[in-house]
């Protein structure tokens, strides 16, 4: 009975290690794929580089950029959209949606502050 318990324990550990390694490789491939799609879109002129988008945002809004997310699956008129979060000196957070191809600010939502 004790030998079977050790075998089961060994197989369980091996399976968990294999599953973790396999899922990690899939996630890395997914992330690399998204990164490659974004680089390709910039190189083909489909979207503007993030530096240009942030220059425009900083000219219109005071504060520190705390988060940037590029989405390529937006429904409606716009394809690529940057979601940008900014925090101002009063700890007020603003969420901006910016068209990645034109740098047009699509929406601004303000959160609460202290």
PDB file of N, CA and C in Angstrom:
ATOM      1  N   UNK A   1       0.823  -1.198   0.000  1.00  0.00           N
ATOM      2  CA  UNK A   1       0.000   0.000   0.000  1.00  0.00           C
ATOM      3  C   UNK A   1       0.870   1.266   0.000  1.00  0.00           C
ATOM      4  N   UNK A   2       1.940   1.238   0.765  1.00  0.00           N
ATOM      5  CA  UNK A   2       2.810   2.393   0.876  1.00  0.00           C
ATOM      6  C   UNK A   2       3.506   2.693  -0.460  1.00  0.00           C
ATOM      7  N   UNK A   3       3.868   1.671  -1.206  1.00  0.00           N
ATOM      8  CA  UNK A   3       4.507   1.845  -2.505  1.00  0.00           C
ATOM      9  C   UNK A   3       3.542   2.522  -3.467  1.00  0.00           C
ATOM     10  N   UNK A   4       2.280   2.123  -3.449  1.00  0.00           N
ATOM     11  CA  UNK A   4       1.278   2.741  -4.325  1.00  0.00           C
ATOM     12  C   UNK A   4       1.082   4.216  -3.990  1.00  0.00           C
ATOM     13  N   UNK A   5       1.116   4.547  -2.725  1.00  0.00           N
ATOM     14  CA  UNK A   5       0.974   5.946  -2.310  1.00  0.00           C
ATOM     15  C   UNK A   5       2.125   6.782  -2.848  1.00  0.00           C
ATOM     16  N   UNK A   6       3.331   6.259  -2.806  1.00  0.00           N
ATOM     17  CA  UNK A   6       4.490   6.982  -3.323  1.00  0.00           C
ATOM     18  C   UNK A   6       4.409   7.142  -4.837  1.00  0.00           C
ATOM     19  N   UNK A   7       3.955   6.110  -5.500  1.00  0.00           N
ATOM     20  CA  UNK A   7       3.814   6.188  -6.958  1.00  0.00           C
ATOM     21  C   UNK A   7       2.773   7.240  -7.328  1.00  0.00           C
ATOM     22  N   UNK A   8       1.662   7.241  -6.633  1.00  0.00           N
ATOM     23  CA  UNK A   8       0.603   8.219  -6.902  1.00  0.00           C
ATOM     24  C   UNK A   8       1.106   9.631  -6.609  1.00  0.00           C
ATOM     25  N   UNK A   9       1.830   9.793  -5.518  1.00  0.00           N
ATOM     26  CA  UNK A   9       2.383  11.098  -5.179  1.00  0.00           C
ATOM     27  C   UNK A   9       3.362  11.560  -6.267  1.00  0.00           C
ATOM     28  N   UNK A  10       4.257  10.672  -6.686  1.00  0.00           N
ATOM     29  CA  UNK A  10       5.217  11.006  -7.732  1.00  0.00           C
ATOM     30  C   UNK A  10       4.508  11.404  -9.020  1.00  0.00           C
ATOM     31  N   UNK A  11       3.499  10.621  -9.432  1.00  0.00           N
ATOM     32  CA  UNK A  11       2.770  10.924 -10.663  1.00  0.00           C
ATOM     33  C   UNK A  11       2.012  12.246 -10.548  1.00  0.00           C
ATOM     34  N   UNK A  12       1.470  12.531  -9.382  1.00  0.00           N
ATOM     35  CA  UNK A  12       0.750  13.795  -9.172  1.00  0.00           C
ATOM     36  C   UNK A  12       1.690  14.981  -9.297  1.00  0.00           C
ATOM     37  N   UNK A  13       2.855  14.879  -8.684  1.00  0.00           N
ATOM     38  CA  UNK A  13       3.832  15.972  -8.767  1.00  0.00           C
ATOM     39  C   UNK A  13       4.304  16.144 -10.201  1.00  0.00           C
ATOM     40  N   UNK A  14       4.591  15.027 -10.880  1.00  0.00           N
ATOM     41  CA  UNK A  14       5.031  15.094 -12.270  1.00  0.00           C
ATOM     42  C   UNK A  14       3.960  15.738 -13.144  1.00  0.00           C
ATOM     43  N   UNK A  15       2.701  15.338 -12.964  1.00  0.00           N
ATOM     44  CA  UNK A  15       1.607  15.891 -13.761  1.00  0.00           C
ATOM     45  C   UNK A  15       1.455  17.384 -13.511  1.00  0.00           C
ATOM     46  N   UNK A  16       1.522  17.821 -12.251  1.00  0.00           N
ATOM     47  CA  UNK A  16       1.397  19.251 -11.931  1.00  0.00           C
ATOM     48  C   UNK A  16       2.538  20.050 -12.557  1.00  0.00           C
ATOM     49  N   UNK A  17       3.759  19.514 -12.484  1.00  0.00           N
ATOM     50  CA  UNK A  17       4.902  20.194 -13.085  1.00  0.00           C
ATOM     51  C   UNK A  17       4.732  20.293 -14.595  1.00  0.00           C
ATOM     52  N   UNK A  18       4.315  19.202 -15.230  1.00  0.00           N
ATOM     53  CA  UNK A  18       4.110  19.192 -16.675  1.00  0.00           C
ATOM     54  C   UNK A  18       3.029  20.186 -17.074  1.00  0.00           C
ATOM     55  N   UNK A  19       1.914  20.187 -16.368  1.00  0.00           N
ATOM     56  CA  UNK A  19       0.807  21.080 -16.681  1.00  0.00           C
ATOM     57  C   UNK A  19       1.229  22.539 -16.516  1.00  0.00           C
ATOM     58  N   UNK A  20       1.940  22.842 -15.446  1.00  0.00           N
ATOM     59  CA  UNK A  20       2.398  24.221 -15.202  1.00  0.00           C
ATOM     60  C   UNK A  20       3.345  24.678 -16.312  1.00  0.00           C
ATOM     61  N   UNK A  21       4.273  23.822 -16.695  1.00  0.00           N
ATOM     62  CA  UNK A  21       5.225  24.156 -17.754  1.00  0.00           C
ATOM     63  C   UNK A  21       4.512  24.359 -19.078  1.00  0.00           C
ATOM     64  N   UNK A  22       3.576  23.489 -19.402  1.00  0.00           N
ATOM     65  CA  UNK A  22       2.842  23.564 -20.659  1.00  0.00           C
ATOM     66  C   UNK A  22       1.996  24.838 -20.731  1.00  0.00           C
ATOM     67  N   UNK A  23       1.271  25.158 -19.666  1.00  0.00           N
ATOM     68  CA  UNK A  23       0.429  26.364 -19.658  1.00  0.00           C
ATOM     69  C   UNK A  23       1.275  27.622 -19.700  1.00  0.00           C
ATOM     70  N   UNK A  24       2.428  27.620 -19.035  1.00  0.00           N
ATOM     71  CA  UNK A  24       3.315  28.779 -19.075  1.00  0.00           C
ATOM     72  C   UNK A  24       3.824  29.049 -20.479  1.00  0.00           C
ATOM     73  N   UNK A  25       4.141  27.997 -21.219  1.00  0.00           N
ATOM     74  CA  UNK A  25       4.608  28.154 -22.598  1.00  0.00           C
ATOM     75  C   UNK A  25       3.497  28.698 -23.482  1.00  0.00           C
ATOM     76  N   UNK A  26       2.259  28.233 -23.270  1.00  0.00           N
ATOM     77  CA  UNK A  26       1.133  28.748 -24.048  1.00  0.00           C
ATOM     78  C   UNK A  26       0.909  30.225 -23.767  1.00  0.00           C
ATOM     79  N   UNK A  27       0.982  30.636 -22.512  1.00  0.00           N
ATOM     80  CA  UNK A  27       0.783  32.043 -22.151  1.00  0.00           C
ATOM     81  C   UNK A  27       1.873  32.911 -22.769  1.00  0.00           C
ATOM     82  N   UNK A  28       3.124  32.448 -22.733  1.00  0.00           N
ATOM     83  CA  UNK A  28       4.218  33.216 -23.317  1.00  0.00           C
ATOM     84  C   UNK A  28       4.018  33.383 -24.820  1.00  0.00           C
ATOM     85  N   UNK A  29       3.559  32.326 -25.495  1.00  0.00           N
ATOM     86  CA  UNK A  29       3.288  32.401 -26.930  1.00  0.00           C
ATOM     87  C   UNK A  29       2.183  33.398 -27.198  1.00  0.00           C
ATOM     88  N   UNK A  30       1.134  33.388 -26.379  1.00  0.00           N
ATOM     89  CA  UNK A  30       0.017  34.322 -26.539  1.00  0.00           C
ATOM     90  C   UNK A  30       0.492  35.759 -26.379  1.00  0.00           C
ATOM     91  N   UNK A  31       1.292  36.018 -25.338  1.00  0.00           N
ATOM     92  CA  UNK A  31       1.769  37.376 -25.103  1.00  0.00           C
ATOM     93  C   UNK A  31       2.687  37.828 -26.230  1.00  0.00           C
ATOM     94  N   UNK A  32       3.566  36.949 -26.681  1.00  0.00           N
ATOM     95  CA  UNK A  32       4.467  37.297 -27.768  1.00  0.00           C
ATOM     96  C   UNK A  32       3.661  37.594 -29.023  1.00  0.00           C
ATOM     97  N   UNK A  33       2.600  36.835 -29.232  1.00  0.00           N
ATOM     98  CA  UNK A  33       1.751  37.027 -30.398  1.00  0.00           C
ATOM     99  C   UNK A  33       1.108  38.415 -30.375  1.00  0.00           C
ATOM    100  N   UNK A  34       0.571  38.844 -29.239  1.00  0.00           N
ATOM    101  CA  UNK A  34      -0.034  40.173 -29.123  1.00  0.00           C
ATOM    102  C   UNK A  34       1.007  41.261 -29.330  1.00  0.00           C
ATOM    103  N   UNK A  35       2.170  41.074 -28.755  1.00  0.00           N
ATOM    104  CA  UNK A  35       3.253  42.052 -28.904  1.00  0.00           C
ATOM    105  C   UNK A  35       3.657  42.163 -30.377  1.00  0.00           C
ATOM    106  N   UNK A  36       3.797  41.029 -31.023  1.00  0.00           N
ATOM    107  CA  UNK A  36       4.165  41.027 -32.441  1.00  0.00           C
ATOM    108  C   UNK A  36       3.097  41.698 -33.300  1.00  0.00           C
ATOM    109  N   UNK A  37       1.818  41.469 -32.976  1.00  0.00           N
ATOM    110  CA  UNK A  37       0.737  42.111 -33.735  1.00  0.00           C
ATOM    111  C   UNK A  37       0.802  43.626 -33.588  1.00  0.00           C
ATOM    112  N   UNK A  38       1.085  44.105 -32.389  1.00  0.00           N
ATOM    113  CA  UNK A  38       1.167  45.553 -32.151  1.00  0.00           C
ATOM    114  C   UNK A  38       2.346  46.155 -32.906  1.00  0.00           C
ATOM    115  N   UNK A  39       3.494  45.495 -32.865  1.00  0.00           N
ATOM    116  CA  UNK A  39       4.668  45.999 -33.585  1.00  0.00           C
ATOM    117  C   UNK A  39       4.390  46.032 -35.083  1.00  0.00           C
ATOM    118  N   UNK A  40       3.762  44.992 -35.582  1.00  0.00           N
ATOM    119  CA  UNK A  40       3.433  44.938 -37.010  1.00  0.00           C
ATOM    120  C   UNK A  40       2.489  46.082 -37.380  1.00  0.00           C
ATOM    121  N   UNK A  41       1.502  46.349 -36.533  1.00  0.00           N
ATOM    122  CA  UNK A  41       0.540  47.423 -36.805  1.00  0.00           C
ATOM    123  C   UNK A  41       1.238  48.784 -36.843  1.00  0.00           C
ATOM    124  N   UNK A  42       2.194  49.010 -35.956  1.00  0.00           N
ATOM    125  CA  UNK A  42       2.949  50.267 -35.968  1.00  0.00           C
ATOM    126  C   UNK A  42       3.796  50.350 -37.226  1.00  0.00           C
ATOM    127  N   UNK A  43       4.510  49.272 -37.537  1.00  0.00           N
ATOM    128  CA  UNK A  43       5.391  49.268 -38.712  1.00  0.00           C
ATOM    129  C   UNK A  43       4.632  49.456 -40.021  1.00  0.00           C
ATOM    130  N   UNK A  44       3.393  48.978 -40.075  1.00  0.00           N
ATOM    131  CA  UNK A  44       2.593  49.117 -41.284  1.00  0.00           C
ATOM    132  C   UNK A  44       1.788  50.411 -41.315  1.00  0.00           C
ATOM    133  N   UNK A  45       1.950  51.244 -40.285  1.00  0.00           N
ATOM    134  CA  UNK A  45       1.260  52.525 -40.248  1.00  0.00           C
ATOM    135  C   UNK A  45      -0.206  52.426 -39.876  1.00  0.00           C
ATOM    136  N   UNK A  46      -0.617  51.267 -39.384  1.00  0.00           N
ATOM    137  CA  UNK A  46      -2.016  51.078 -38.989  1.00  0.00           C
ATOM    138  C   UNK A  46      -2.319  51.815 -37.687  1.00  0.00           C
ATOM    139  N   UNK A  47      -1.339  51.854 -36.796  1.00  0.00           N
ATOM    140  CA  UNK A  47      -1.489  52.588 -35.533  1.00  0.00           C
ATOM    141  C   UNK A  47      -0.254  53.453 -35.317  1.00  0.00           C
ATOM    142  N   UNK A  48      -0.408  54.460 -34.476  1.00  0.00           N
ATOM    143  CA  UNK A  48       0.697  55.345 -34.130  1.00  0.00           C
ATOM    144  C   UNK A  48       1.508  54.738 -32.995  1.00  0.00           C
ATOM    145  N   UNK A  49       2.784  55.062 -32.933  1.00  0.00           N
ATOM    146  CA  UNK A  49       3.591  54.591 -31.801  1.00  0.00           C
ATOM    147  C   UNK A  49       3.063  55.164 -30.493  1.00  0.00           C
ATOM    148  N   UNK A  50       3.253  54.409 -29.429  1.00  0.00           N
ATOM    149  CA  UNK A  50       2.785  54.840 -28.120  1.00  0.00           C
ATOM    150  C   UNK A  50       3.373  56.195 -27.737  1.00  0.00           C
ATOM    151  N   UNK A  51       4.609  56.467 -28.105  1.00  0.00           N
ATOM    152  CA  UNK A  51       5.235  57.752 -27.743  1.00  0.00           C
ATOM    153  C   UNK A  51       4.442  58.935 -28.307  1.00  0.00           C
ATOM    154  N   UNK A  52       3.939  58.811 -29.523  1.00  0.00           N
ATOM    155  CA  UNK A  52       3.133  59.894 -30.110  1.00  0.00           C
ATOM    156  C   UNK A  52       1.794  60.034 -29.396  1.00  0.00           C
ATOM    157  N   UNK A  53       1.197  58.917 -29.058  1.00  0.00           N
ATOM    158  CA  UNK A  53      -0.085  58.951 -28.330  1.00  0.00           C
ATOM    159  C   UNK A  53       0.110  59.634 -26.983  1.00  0.00           C
ATOM    160  N   UNK A  54       1.165  59.250 -26.262  1.00  0.00           N
ATOM    161  CA  UNK A  54       1.401  59.827 -24.935  1.00  0.00           C
ATOM    162  C   UNK A  54       1.761  61.303 -25.010  1.00  0.00           C
ATOM    163  N   UNK A  55       2.465  61.732 -26.054  1.00  0.00           N
ATOM    164  CA  UNK A  55       2.753  63.157 -26.225  1.00  0.00           C
ATOM    165  C   UNK A  55       1.458  63.957 -26.306  1.00  0.00           C
ATOM    166  N   UNK A  56       0.504  63.475 -27.088  1.00  0.00           N
ATOM    167  CA  UNK A  56      -0.765  64.186 -27.224  1.00  0.00           C
ATOM    168  C   UNK A  56      -1.531  64.194 -25.896  1.00  0.00           C
ATOM    169  N   UNK A  57      -1.571  63.048 -25.233  1.00  0.00           N
ATOM    170  CA  UNK A  57      -2.286  62.953 -23.960  1.00  0.00           C
ATOM    171  C   UNK A  57      -1.667  63.899 -22.935  1.00  0.00           C
ATOM    172  N   UNK A  58      -0.352  63.938 -22.857  1.00  0.00           N
ATOM    173  CA  UNK A  58       0.328  64.807 -21.880  1.00  0.00           C
ATOM    174  C   UNK A  58       0.126  66.282 -22.190  1.00  0.00           C
ATOM    175  N   UNK A  59      -0.095  66.615 -23.453  1.00  0.00           N
ATOM    176  CA  UNK A  59      -0.374  68.009 -23.808  1.00  0.00           C
ATOM    177  C   UNK A  59      -1.774  68.428 -23.382  1.00  0.00           C
ATOM    178  N   UNK A  60      -2.665  67.484 -23.248  1.00  0.00           N
ATOM    179  CA  UNK A  60      -4.058  67.804 -22.919  1.00  0.00           C
ATOM    180  C   UNK A  60      -4.439  67.526 -21.471  1.00  0.00           C
ATOM    181  N   UNK A  61      -3.690  66.662 -20.795  1.00  0.00           N
ATOM    182  CA  UNK A  61      -4.038  66.263 -19.430  1.00  0.00           C
ATOM    183  C   UNK A  61      -2.802  66.307 -18.544  1.00  0.00           C
ATOM    184  N   UNK A  62      -2.956  66.924 -17.374  1.00  0.00           N
ATOM    185  CA  UNK A  62      -1.883  66.946 -16.392  1.00  0.00           C
ATOM    186  C   UNK A  62      -1.972  65.689 -15.545  1.00  0.00           C
ATOM    187  N   UNK A  63      -0.828  65.135 -15.229  1.00  0.00           N
ATOM    188  CA  UNK A  63      -0.814  63.952 -14.384  1.00  0.00           C
ATOM    189  C   UNK A  63       0.208  62.949 -14.858  1.00  0.00           C
ATOM    190  N   UNK A  64       0.251  61.835 -14.133  1.00  0.00           N
ATOM    191  CA  UNK A  64       1.220  60.778 -14.411  1.00  0.00           C
ATOM    192  C   UNK A  64       0.492  59.572 -14.990  1.00  0.00           C
ATOM    193  N   UNK A  65       0.998  59.055 -16.095  1.00  0.00           N
ATOM    194  CA  UNK A  65       0.417  57.865 -16.708  1.00  0.00           C
ATOM    195  C   UNK A  65       0.748  56.674 -15.824  1.00  0.00           C
ATOM    196  N   UNK A  66      -0.284  55.939 -15.418  1.00  0.00           N
ATOM    197  CA  UNK A  66      -0.066  54.782 -14.540  1.00  0.00           C
ATOM    198  C   UNK A  66      -0.376  53.460 -15.225  1.00  0.00           C
ATOM    199  N   UNK A  67      -1.053  53.524 -16.378  1.00  0.00           N
ATOM    200  CA  UNK A  67      -1.401  52.279 -17.060  1.00  0.00           C
ATOM    201  C   UNK A  67      -1.699  52.552 -18.522  1.00  0.00           C
ATOM    202  N   UNK A  68      -1.229  51.650 -19.380  1.00  0.00           N
ATOM    203  CA  UNK A  68      -1.531  51.722 -20.811  1.00  0.00           C
ATOM    204  C   UNK A  68      -1.842  50.314 -21.290  1.00  0.00           C
ATOM    205  N   UNK A  69      -2.923  50.179 -22.035  1.00  0.00           N
ATOM    206  CA  UNK A  69      -3.313  48.885 -22.571  1.00  0.00           C
ATOM    207  C   UNK A  69      -3.769  49.090 -24.011  1.00  0.00           C
ATOM    208  N   UNK A  70      -3.232  48.329 -24.919  1.00  0.00           N
ATOM    209  CA  UNK A  70      -3.621  48.417 -26.332  1.00  0.00           C
ATOM    210  C   UNK A  70      -4.542  47.261 -26.660  1.00  0.00           C
ATOM    211  N   UNK A  71      -5.707  47.591 -27.209  1.00  0.00           N
ATOM    212  CA  UNK A  71      -6.688  46.566 -27.573  1.00  0.00           C
ATOM    213  C   UNK A  71      -6.904  46.607 -29.073  1.00  0.00           C
ATOM    214  N   UNK A  72      -6.973  45.435 -29.682  1.00  0.00           N
ATOM    215  CA  UNK A  72      -7.178  45.385 -31.124  1.00  0.00           C
ATOM    216  C   UNK A  72      -8.513  44.786 -31.511  1.00  0.00           C
ATOM    217  N   UNK A  73      -9.363  44.548 -30.557  1.00  0.00           N
ATOM    218  CA  UNK A  73     -10.625  43.889 -30.883  1.00  0.00           C
ATOM    219  C   UNK A  73     -11.845  44.720 -30.503  1.00  0.00           C
ATOM    220  N   UNK A  74     -11.709  46.021 -30.604  1.00  0.00           N
ATOM    221  CA  UNK A  74     -12.830  46.884 -30.265  1.00  0.00           C
ATOM    222  C   UNK A  74     -13.934  46.765 -31.314  1.00  0.00           C
ATOM    223  N   UNK A  75     -15.151  46.712 -30.852  1.00  0.00           N
ATOM    224  CA  UNK A  75     -16.287  46.651 -31.767  1.00  0.00           C
ATOM    225  C   UNK A  75     -16.697  48.063 -32.161  1.00  0.00           C
ATOM    226  N   UNK A  76     -17.297  48.209 -33.305  1.00  0.00           N
ATOM    227  CA  UNK A  76     -17.757  49.513 -33.741  1.00  0.00           C
ATOM    228  C   UNK A  76     -16.830  50.107 -34.778  1.00  0.00           C
ATOM    229  N   UNK A  77     -16.707  51.409 -34.768  1.00  0.00           N
ATOM    230  CA  UNK A  77     -15.950  52.115 -35.788  1.00  0.00           C
ATOM    231  C   UNK A  77     -14.440  52.013 -35.610  1.00  0.00           C
ATOM    232  N   UNK A  78     -13.984  51.808 -34.403  1.00  0.00           N
ATOM    233  CA  UNK A  78     -12.563  51.881 -34.121  1.00  0.00           C
ATOM    234  C   UNK A  78     -11.979  50.492 -33.957  1.00  0.00           C
ATOM    235  N   UNK A  79     -10.816  50.273 -34.561  1.00  0.00           N
ATOM    236  CA  UNK A  79     -10.132  48.999 -34.421  1.00  0.00           C
ATOM    237  C   UNK A  79      -9.246  49.002 -33.196  1.00  0.00           C
ATOM    238  N   UNK A  80      -8.051  49.534 -33.334  1.00  0.00           N
ATOM    239  CA  UNK A  80      -7.097  49.574 -32.239  1.00  0.00           C
ATOM    240  C   UNK A  80      -7.391  50.756 -31.319  1.00  0.00           C
ATOM    241  N   UNK A  81      -7.421  50.494 -30.013  1.00  0.00           N
ATOM    242  CA  UNK A  81      -7.708  51.534 -29.026  1.00  0.00           C
ATOM    243  C   UNK A  81      -6.729  51.406 -27.864  1.00  0.00           C
ATOM    244  N   UNK A  82      -6.135  52.545 -27.466  1.00  0.00           N
ATOM    245  CA  UNK A  82      -5.316  52.596 -26.258  1.00  0.00           C
ATOM    246  C   UNK A  82      -6.216  52.965 -25.090  1.00  0.00           C
ATOM    247  N   UNK A  83      -6.188  52.163 -24.037  1.00  0.00           N
ATOM    248  CA  UNK A  83      -6.807  52.517 -22.760  1.00  0.00           C
ATOM    249  C   UNK A  83      -5.685  53.046 -21.883  1.00  0.00           C
ATOM    250  N   UNK A  84      -5.814  54.296 -21.459  1.00  0.00           N
ATOM    251  CA  UNK A  84      -4.751  54.947 -20.685  1.00  0.00           C
ATOM    252  C   UNK A  84      -5.339  55.471 -19.383  1.00  0.00           C
ATOM    253  N   UNK A  85      -4.655  55.179 -18.280  1.00  0.00           N
ATOM    254  CA  UNK A  85      -5.066  55.706 -16.977  1.00  0.00           C
ATOM    255  C   UNK A  85      -4.027  56.702 -16.508  1.00  0.00           C
ATOM    256  N   UNK A  86      -4.514  57.844 -16.030  1.00  0.00           N
ATOM    257  CA  UNK A  86      -3.665  58.930 -15.540  1.00  0.00           C
ATOM    258  C   UNK A  86      -4.122  59.277 -14.127  1.00  0.00           C
ATOM    259  N   UNK A  87      -3.167  59.581 -13.271  1.00  0.00           N
ATOM    260  CA  UNK A  87      -3.497  60.049 -11.925  1.00  0.00           C
ATOM    261  C   UNK A  87      -2.933  61.462 -11.782  1.00  0.00           C
ATOM    262  N   UNK A  88      -3.777  62.376 -11.283  1.00  0.00           N
ATOM    263  CA  UNK A  88      -3.320  63.762 -11.142  1.00  0.00           C
ATOM    264  C   UNK A  88      -2.783  64.017  -9.738  1.00  0.00           C
ATOM    265  N   UNK A  89      -2.406  65.253  -9.464  1.00  0.00           N
ATOM    266  CA  UNK A  89      -1.797  65.594  -8.174  1.00  0.00           C
ATOM    267  C   UNK A  89      -2.770  65.463  -7.009  1.00  0.00           C
ATOM    268  N   UNK A  90      -4.071  65.406  -7.290  1.00  0.00           N
ATOM    269  CA  UNK A  90      -5.079  65.230  -6.241  1.00  0.00           C
ATOM    270  C   UNK A  90      -5.518  63.777  -6.099  1.00  0.00           C
ATOM    271  N   UNK A  91      -4.746  62.852  -6.684  1.00  0.00           N
ATOM    272  CA  UNK A  91      -5.045  61.420  -6.677  1.00  0.00           C
ATOM    273  C   UNK A  91      -6.344  61.073  -7.387  1.00  0.00           C
ATOM    274  N   UNK A  92      -6.740  61.912  -8.304  1.00  0.00           N
ATOM    275  CA  UNK A  92      -7.921  61.650  -9.120  1.00  0.00           C
ATOM    276  C   UNK A  92      -7.461  60.860 -10.347  1.00  0.00           C
ATOM    277  N   UNK A  93      -8.122  59.740 -10.610  1.00  0.00           N
ATOM    278  CA  UNK A  93      -7.749  58.877 -11.727  1.00  0.00           C
ATOM    279  C   UNK A  93      -8.657  59.166 -12.909  1.00  0.00           C
ATOM    280  N   UNK A  94      -8.043  59.307 -14.074  1.00  0.00           N
ATOM    281  CA  UNK A  94      -8.801  59.486 -15.312  1.00  0.00           C
ATOM    282  C   UNK A  94      -8.518  58.307 -16.225  1.00  0.00           C
ATOM    283  N   UNK A  95      -9.565  57.796 -16.831  1.00  0.00           N
ATOM    284  CA  UNK A  95      -9.437  56.706 -17.791  1.00  0.00           C
ATOM    285  C   UNK A  95      -9.754  57.263 -19.170  1.00  0.00           C
ATOM    286  N   UNK A  96      -8.761  57.210 -20.055  1.00  0.00           N
ATOM    287  CA  UNK A  96      -8.934  57.727 -21.412  1.00  0.00           C
ATOM    288  C   UNK A  96      -8.946  56.571 -22.400  1.00  0.00           C
ATOM    289  N   UNK A  97      -9.750  56.701 -23.429  1.00  0.00           N
ATOM    290  CA  UNK A  97      -9.746  55.775 -24.554  1.00  0.00           C
ATOM    291  C   UNK A  97      -9.321  56.593 -25.764  1.00  0.00           C
ATOM    292  N   UNK A  98      -8.249  56.142 -26.414  1.00  0.00           N
ATOM    293  CA  UNK A  98      -7.651  56.896 -27.502  1.00  0.00           C
ATOM    294  C   UNK A  98      -7.558  56.009 -28.740  1.00  0.00           C
ATOM    295  N   UNK A  99      -8.045  56.537 -29.873  1.00  0.00           N
ATOM    296  CA  UNK A  99      -7.923  55.811 -31.132  1.00  0.00           C
ATOM    297  C   UNK A  99      -6.435  55.693 -31.456  1.00  0.00           C
ATOM    298  N   UNK A 100      -5.961  54.465 -31.603  1.00  0.00           N
ATOM    299  CA  UNK A 100      -4.531  54.230 -31.805  1.00  0.00           C
ATOM    300  C   UNK A 100      -4.059  54.634 -33.196  1.00  0.00           C
ATOM    301  N   UNK A 101      -4.969  54.757 -34.139  1.00  0.00           N
ATOM    302  CA  UNK A 101      -4.577  55.125 -35.497  1.00  0.00           C
ATOM    303  C   UNK A 101      -4.511  56.614 -35.740  1.00  0.00           C
ATOM    304  N   UNK A 102      -5.276  57.383 -34.963  1.00  0.00           N
ATOM    305  CA  UNK A 102      -5.359  58.828 -35.210  1.00  0.00           C
ATOM    306  C   UNK A 102      -4.979  59.675 -34.000  1.00  0.00           C
ATOM    307  N   UNK A 103      -4.843  59.082 -32.843  1.00  0.00           N
ATOM    308  CA  UNK A 103      -4.596  59.712 -31.542  1.00  0.00           C
ATOM    309  C   UNK A 103      -5.797  60.556 -31.083  1.00  0.00           C
ATOM    310  N   UNK A 104      -6.957  60.331 -31.670  1.00  0.00           N
ATOM    311  CA  UNK A 104      -8.170  61.017 -31.244  1.00  0.00           C
ATOM    312  C   UNK A 104      -8.625  60.463 -29.903  1.00  0.00           C
ATOM    313  N   UNK A 105      -8.883  61.369 -28.952  1.00  0.00           N
ATOM    314  CA  UNK A 105      -9.375  60.943 -27.654  1.00  0.00           C
ATOM    315  C   UNK A 105     -10.858  60.655 -27.781  1.00  0.00           C
ATOM    316  N   UNK A 106     -11.215  59.396 -27.579  1.00  0.00           N
ATOM    317  CA  UNK A 106     -12.590  58.945 -27.776  1.00  0.00           C
ATOM    318  C   UNK A 106     -13.456  59.189 -26.559  1.00  0.00           C
ATOM    319  N   UNK A 107     -12.883  59.019 -25.371  1.00  0.00           N
ATOM    320  CA  UNK A 107     -13.662  59.243 -24.146  1.00  0.00           C
ATOM    321  C   UNK A 107     -12.720  59.474 -22.976  1.00  0.00           C
ATOM    322  N   UNK A 108     -13.275  60.178 -21.975  1.00  0.00           N
ATOM    323  CA  UNK A 108     -12.558  60.436 -20.728  1.00  0.00           C
ATOM    324  C   UNK A 108     -13.528  60.180 -19.603  1.00  0.00           C
ATOM    325  N   UNK A 109     -13.122  59.306 -18.678  1.00  0.00           N
ATOM    326  CA  UNK A 109     -13.933  59.030 -17.491  1.00  0.00           C
ATOM    327  C   UNK A 109     -13.089  59.346 -16.265  1.00  0.00           C
ATOM    328  N   UNK A 110     -13.653  60.127 -15.354  1.00  0.00           N
ATOM    329  CA  UNK A 110     -12.933  60.495 -14.141  1.00  0.00           C
ATOM    330  C   UNK A 110     -13.415  59.659 -12.978  1.00  0.00           C
ATOM    331  N   UNK A 111     -12.440  59.248 -12.157  1.00  0.00           N
ATOM    332  CA  UNK A 111     -12.755  58.526 -10.945  1.00  0.00           C
ATOM    333  C   UNK A 111     -12.668  59.454  -9.760  1.00  0.00           C
ATOM    334  N   UNK A 112     -12.951  58.930  -8.595  1.00  0.00           N
ATOM    335  CA  UNK A 112     -12.891  59.730  -7.367  1.00  0.00           C
ATOM    336  C   UNK A 112     -11.466  59.943  -6.916  1.00  0.00           C
ATOM    337  N   UNK A 113     -11.290  60.858  -6.012  1.00  0.00           N
ATOM    338  CA  UNK A 113      -9.980  61.156  -5.434  1.00  0.00           C
ATOM    339  C   UNK A 113     -10.096  61.274  -3.944  1.00  0.00           C
ATOM    340  N   UNK A 114      -8.996  61.620  -3.287  1.00  0.00           N
ATOM    341  CA  UNK A 114      -9.016  61.794  -1.827  1.00  0.00           C
ATOM    342  C   UNK A 114      -9.454  63.179  -1.463  1.00  0.00           C
TER     343      UNK A 114
END
